[in-house]
Amino acid sequence: METSSICGLCLGRLKYQIKNAKNRAADGTGRAFSGRVLLESYFTCDPDEIVDILEIYHVTDRTLEGVMETLAELSCSASVLTRESLHFDFNEDGHLGLYLSLT
């Protein structure tokens, strides 16, 4: 199993989560759900906690906006490495999550 990671994201775990999300999203007719699927939730919106959880210590601007810019770069890199569309966003409770976009 692949054990490499990018910041605090384990690529092997992400690929496993993506595979499971796609399987769950497909209905019995073989058509896939279209939308976004939550892969990971970090149960916080605090920028310092996000930096620690995802090990993005290189972030100099530790405001929410600065952290979100870094997360956009991180999700872009993870998308390239997994060949899937990944992005960080907040759920309805205000907690950060990593989402897979399905089309």
N, C-alpha and C. Protein backbone atom coordinates (compact mmCIF):
# COMPACT_ATOMS: atom_id res chain seq x y z
N MET A 1 0.84 -1.18 0.00
CA MET A 1 0.00 0.00 0.00
C MET A 1 0.89 1.25 0.00
N GLU A 2 0.46 2.24 -0.74
CA GLU A 2 1.19 3.49 -0.84
C GLU A 2 1.11 4.24 0.49
N THR A 3 2.25 4.68 1.00
CA THR A 3 2.25 5.38 2.28
C THR A 3 2.73 6.82 2.18
N SER A 4 2.95 7.30 0.96
CA SER A 4 3.41 8.68 0.83
C SER A 4 2.30 9.65 1.22
N SER A 5 2.73 10.85 1.60
CA SER A 5 1.75 11.85 2.00
C SER A 5 2.17 13.21 1.50
N ILE A 6 1.21 14.08 1.47
CA ILE A 6 1.45 15.47 1.13
C ILE A 6 0.87 16.27 2.28
N CYS A 7 1.73 16.97 2.99
CA CYS A 7 1.39 17.63 4.24
C CYS A 7 0.73 16.58 5.14
N GLY A 8 -0.45 16.81 5.65
CA GLY A 8 -1.10 15.85 6.54
C GLY A 8 -2.05 14.91 5.84
N LEU A 9 -2.00 14.86 4.51
CA LEU A 9 -2.89 13.98 3.76
C LEU A 9 -2.14 12.74 3.31
N CYS A 10 -2.58 11.58 3.74
CA CYS A 10 -1.99 10.31 3.31
C CYS A 10 -2.62 9.93 1.98
N LEU A 11 -1.82 9.82 0.94
CA LEU A 11 -2.35 9.55 -0.39
C LEU A 11 -2.98 8.17 -0.49
N GLY A 12 -2.42 7.19 0.19
CA GLY A 12 -3.02 5.85 0.18
C GLY A 12 -4.41 5.87 0.79
N ARG A 13 -4.56 6.57 1.91
CA ARG A 13 -5.85 6.68 2.57
C ARG A 13 -6.84 7.43 1.68
N LEU A 14 -6.39 8.49 1.02
CA LEU A 14 -7.26 9.26 0.14
C LEU A 14 -7.77 8.41 -1.02
N LYS A 15 -6.87 7.64 -1.63
CA LYS A 15 -7.29 6.79 -2.75
C LYS A 15 -8.31 5.76 -2.29
N TYR A 16 -8.12 5.21 -1.10
CA TYR A 16 -9.07 4.25 -0.53
C TYR A 16 -10.42 4.92 -0.28
N GLN A 17 -10.40 6.12 0.29
CA GLN A 17 -11.64 6.85 0.55
C GLN A 17 -12.36 7.22 -0.75
N ILE A 18 -11.62 7.59 -1.76
CA ILE A 18 -12.20 7.94 -3.06
C ILE A 18 -12.88 6.72 -3.67
N LYS A 19 -12.21 5.59 -3.63
CA LYS A 19 -12.78 4.35 -4.17
C LYS A 19 -14.09 4.01 -3.45
N ASN A 20 -14.09 4.09 -2.14
CA ASN A 20 -15.30 3.79 -1.37
C ASN A 20 -16.40 4.80 -1.64
N ALA A 21 -16.05 6.07 -1.76
CA ALA A 21 -17.05 7.10 -2.02
C ALA A 21 -17.71 6.88 -3.38
N LYS A 22 -16.93 6.53 -4.37
CA LYS A 22 -17.48 6.27 -5.70
C LYS A 22 -18.39 5.05 -5.68
N ASN A 23 -18.00 4.01 -4.95
CA ASN A 23 -18.84 2.82 -4.85
C ASN A 23 -20.16 3.14 -4.16
N ARG A 24 -20.13 3.93 -3.11
CA ARG A 24 -21.35 4.30 -2.39
C ARG A 24 -22.23 5.23 -3.22
N ALA A 25 -21.60 6.06 -4.05
CA ALA A 25 -22.35 7.03 -4.83
C ALA A 25 -23.07 6.41 -6.02
N ALA A 26 -22.62 5.26 -6.48
CA ALA A 26 -23.25 4.61 -7.62
C ALA A 26 -24.54 3.93 -7.16
N ASP A 27 -25.60 4.10 -7.92
CA ASP A 27 -26.84 3.42 -7.58
C ASP A 27 -26.90 2.06 -8.28
N GLY A 28 -27.95 1.33 -8.08
CA GLY A 28 -28.08 -0.01 -8.62
C GLY A 28 -28.12 -0.08 -10.14
N THR A 29 -28.39 1.02 -10.82
CA THR A 29 -28.47 1.01 -12.27
C THR A 29 -27.12 1.30 -12.92
N GLY A 30 -26.11 1.54 -12.12
CA GLY A 30 -24.80 1.85 -12.66
C GLY A 30 -24.57 3.32 -12.88
N ARG A 31 -25.60 4.14 -12.66
CA ARG A 31 -25.43 5.59 -12.78
C ARG A 31 -24.83 6.11 -11.49
N ALA A 32 -23.94 7.06 -11.60
CA ALA A 32 -23.27 7.61 -10.42
C ALA A 32 -23.95 8.88 -9.95
N PHE A 33 -23.91 9.11 -8.68
CA PHE A 33 -24.37 10.34 -8.06
C PHE A 33 -23.51 11.49 -8.56
N SER A 34 -24.11 12.62 -8.79
CA SER A 34 -23.37 13.80 -9.21
C SER A 34 -23.42 14.82 -8.07
N GLY A 35 -22.29 15.33 -7.69
CA GLY A 35 -22.22 16.30 -6.61
C GLY A 35 -20.90 16.16 -5.89
N ARG A 36 -20.93 16.42 -4.59
CA ARG A 36 -19.70 16.30 -3.83
C ARG A 36 -19.91 15.35 -2.65
N VAL A 37 -18.84 14.66 -2.30
CA VAL A 37 -18.87 13.69 -1.23
C VAL A 37 -17.80 14.06 -0.21
N LEU A 38 -18.17 14.09 1.05
CA LEU A 38 -17.21 14.39 2.11
C LEU A 38 -16.31 13.18 2.34
N LEU A 39 -15.00 13.38 2.21
CA LEU A 39 -14.04 12.31 2.45
C LEU A 39 -13.51 12.36 3.88
N GLU A 40 -13.20 13.54 4.36
CA GLU A 40 -12.67 13.72 5.70
C GLU A 40 -13.26 14.98 6.30
N SER A 41 -13.55 14.95 7.59
CA SER A 41 -13.99 16.15 8.30
C SER A 41 -13.04 16.38 9.46
N TYR A 42 -12.68 17.62 9.66
CA TYR A 42 -11.69 17.95 10.69
C TYR A 42 -12.33 18.59 11.92
N PHE A 43 -13.62 18.77 11.93
CA PHE A 43 -14.40 19.25 13.07
C PHE A 43 -13.84 20.53 13.70
N THR A 44 -13.39 21.43 12.85
CA THR A 44 -12.89 22.72 13.33
C THR A 44 -12.95 23.74 12.20
N CYS A 45 -12.95 24.99 12.60
CA CYS A 45 -12.80 26.08 11.63
C CYS A 45 -11.70 27.02 12.10
N ASP A 46 -10.99 26.63 13.17
CA ASP A 46 -9.92 27.44 13.72
C ASP A 46 -8.66 27.29 12.87
N PRO A 47 -8.13 28.39 12.34
CA PRO A 47 -6.96 28.31 11.46
C PRO A 47 -5.75 27.62 12.10
N ASP A 48 -5.48 27.89 13.38
CA ASP A 48 -4.33 27.25 14.04
C ASP A 48 -4.52 25.74 14.16
N GLU A 49 -5.73 25.29 14.45
CA GLU A 49 -6.00 23.86 14.53
C GLU A 49 -5.86 23.20 13.16
N ILE A 50 -6.33 23.89 12.13
CA ILE A 50 -6.21 23.36 10.77
C ILE A 50 -4.75 23.20 10.38
N VAL A 51 -3.93 24.20 10.71
CA VAL A 51 -2.49 24.13 10.44
C VAL A 51 -1.89 22.91 11.12
N ASP A 52 -2.25 22.67 12.37
CA ASP A 52 -1.70 21.52 13.11
C ASP A 52 -2.21 20.19 12.57
N ILE A 53 -3.49 20.10 12.31
CA ILE A 53 -4.08 18.84 11.84
C ILE A 53 -3.48 18.43 10.49
N LEU A 54 -3.38 19.37 9.59
CA LEU A 54 -2.90 19.07 8.24
C LEU A 54 -1.40 19.32 8.06
N GLU A 55 -0.74 19.68 9.13
CA GLU A 55 0.72 19.84 9.13
C GLU A 55 1.18 20.81 8.03
N ILE A 56 0.48 21.92 7.91
CA ILE A 56 0.85 22.94 6.91
C ILE A 56 1.57 24.08 7.62
N TYR A 57 2.65 23.71 8.29
CA TYR A 57 3.39 24.66 9.12
C TYR A 57 4.08 25.76 8.33
N HIS A 58 4.20 25.59 7.02
CA HIS A 58 4.85 26.60 6.19
C HIS A 58 3.95 27.82 5.95
N VAL A 59 2.70 27.78 6.38
CA VAL A 59 1.77 28.89 6.19
C VAL A 59 2.23 30.08 7.01
N THR A 60 2.45 31.20 6.36
CA THR A 60 2.87 32.40 7.08
C THR A 60 1.68 33.24 7.51
N ASP A 61 0.64 33.27 6.68
CA ASP A 61 -0.58 34.02 6.99
C ASP A 61 -1.57 33.05 7.65
N ARG A 62 -1.63 33.08 8.97
CA ARG A 62 -2.46 32.12 9.70
C ARG A 62 -3.87 32.64 9.95
N THR A 63 -4.31 33.56 9.11
CA THR A 63 -5.72 33.94 9.16
C THR A 63 -6.50 32.87 8.40
N LEU A 64 -7.80 32.86 8.55
CA LEU A 64 -8.61 31.88 7.84
C LEU A 64 -8.42 32.00 6.33
N GLU A 65 -8.33 33.22 5.84
CA GLU A 65 -8.13 33.43 4.40
C GLU A 65 -6.78 32.88 3.94
N GLY A 66 -5.74 33.13 4.71
CA GLY A 66 -4.41 32.64 4.37
C GLY A 66 -4.33 31.13 4.39
N VAL A 67 -4.95 30.52 5.39
CA VAL A 67 -4.97 29.06 5.50
C VAL A 67 -5.76 28.46 4.34
N MET A 68 -6.88 29.09 3.98
CA MET A 68 -7.70 28.58 2.88
C MET A 68 -6.95 28.67 1.55
N GLU A 69 -6.13 29.70 1.36
CA GLU A 69 -5.31 29.78 0.15
C GLU A 69 -4.35 28.61 0.08
N THR A 70 -3.72 28.30 1.19
CA THR A 70 -2.80 27.16 1.23
C THR A 70 -3.54 25.85 1.01
N LEU A 71 -4.74 25.72 1.57
CA LEU A 71 -5.53 24.51 1.37
C LEU A 71 -5.96 24.35 -0.08
N ALA A 72 -6.20 25.46 -0.77
CA ALA A 72 -6.54 25.39 -2.19
C ALA A 72 -5.35 24.83 -2.98
N GLU A 73 -4.14 25.27 -2.63
CA GLU A 73 -2.94 24.74 -3.27
C GLU A 73 -2.75 23.26 -2.94
N LEU A 74 -2.99 22.91 -1.68
CA LEU A 74 -2.85 21.52 -1.24
C LEU A 74 -3.85 20.63 -1.96
N SER A 75 -5.10 21.07 -2.08
CA SER A 75 -6.11 20.25 -2.75
C SER A 75 -5.81 20.12 -4.24
N CYS A 76 -5.23 21.15 -4.83
CA CYS A 76 -4.83 21.08 -6.23
C CYS A 76 -3.74 20.02 -6.42
N SER A 77 -2.75 20.02 -5.55
CA SER A 77 -1.68 19.02 -5.62
C SER A 77 -2.23 17.62 -5.39
N ALA A 78 -3.11 17.47 -4.39
CA ALA A 78 -3.70 16.17 -4.10
C ALA A 78 -4.57 15.70 -5.27
N SER A 79 -5.24 16.63 -5.94
CA SER A 79 -6.06 16.29 -7.10
C SER A 79 -5.21 15.73 -8.23
N VAL A 80 -4.08 16.36 -8.46
CA VAL A 80 -3.17 15.89 -9.51
C VAL A 80 -2.66 14.49 -9.16
N LEU A 81 -2.27 14.28 -7.91
CA LEU A 81 -1.69 13.00 -7.52
C LEU A 81 -2.71 11.87 -7.47
N THR A 82 -3.97 12.18 -7.18
CA THR A 82 -5.00 11.15 -7.13
C THR A 82 -5.81 11.06 -8.42
N ARG A 83 -5.63 12.04 -9.30
CA ARG A 83 -6.38 12.14 -10.56
C ARG A 83 -7.88 12.28 -10.32
N GLU A 84 -8.21 12.99 -9.25
CA GLU A 84 -9.61 13.25 -8.88
C GLU A 84 -9.75 14.72 -8.53
N SER A 85 -10.98 15.21 -8.53
CA SER A 85 -11.24 16.60 -8.19
C SER A 85 -11.52 16.71 -6.69
N LEU A 86 -10.55 17.24 -5.95
CA LEU A 86 -10.65 17.37 -4.50
C LEU A 86 -10.64 18.85 -4.12
N HIS A 87 -11.37 19.19 -3.06
CA HIS A 87 -11.33 20.57 -2.57
C HIS A 87 -11.72 20.61 -1.09
N PHE A 88 -11.22 21.62 -0.41
CA PHE A 88 -11.58 21.86 0.97
C PHE A 88 -12.72 22.86 1.01
N ASP A 89 -13.63 22.64 1.96
CA ASP A 89 -14.75 23.56 2.13
C ASP A 89 -15.31 23.34 3.53
N PHE A 90 -16.21 24.21 3.92
CA PHE A 90 -16.85 24.09 5.23
C PHE A 90 -18.24 23.49 5.07
N ASN A 91 -18.63 22.64 6.02
CA ASN A 91 -19.97 22.06 5.97
C ASN A 91 -20.96 23.00 6.64
N GLU A 92 -22.21 22.57 6.73
CA GLU A 92 -23.26 23.42 7.29
C GLU A 92 -23.04 23.74 8.77
N ASP A 93 -22.23 22.94 9.46
CA ASP A 93 -21.91 23.21 10.87
C ASP A 93 -20.68 24.10 11.03
N GLY A 94 -20.06 24.46 9.91
CA GLY A 94 -18.89 25.33 9.95
C GLY A 94 -17.57 24.59 10.12
N HIS A 95 -17.57 23.27 9.97
CA HIS A 95 -16.35 22.48 10.11
C HIS A 95 -15.70 22.25 8.75
N LEU A 96 -14.38 22.30 8.74
CA LEU A 96 -13.62 22.07 7.50
C LEU A 96 -13.69 20.61 7.10
N GLY A 97 -13.81 20.38 5.81
CA GLY A 97 -13.79 19.02 5.29
C GLY A 97 -13.09 18.98 3.95
N LEU A 98 -12.68 17.77 3.59
CA LEU A 98 -12.09 17.53 2.28
C LEU A 98 -13.14 16.80 1.45
N TYR A 99 -13.47 17.35 0.30
CA TYR A 99 -14.54 16.84 -0.54
C TYR A 99 -14.02 16.31 -1.87
N LEU A 100 -14.70 15.30 -2.36
CA LEU A 100 -14.50 14.76 -3.69
C LEU A 100 -15.65 15.24 -4.55
N SER A 101 -15.35 15.84 -5.70
CA SER A 101 -16.39 16.28 -6.62
C SER A 101 -16.65 15.16 -7.62
N LEU A 102 -17.91 14.75 -7.71
CA LEU A 102 -18.33 13.72 -8.67
C LEU A 102 -19.19 14.37 -9.73
N THR A 103 -18.92 14.03 -10.99
CA THR A 103 -19.74 14.58 -12.08
C THR A 103 -20.32 13.46 -12.90
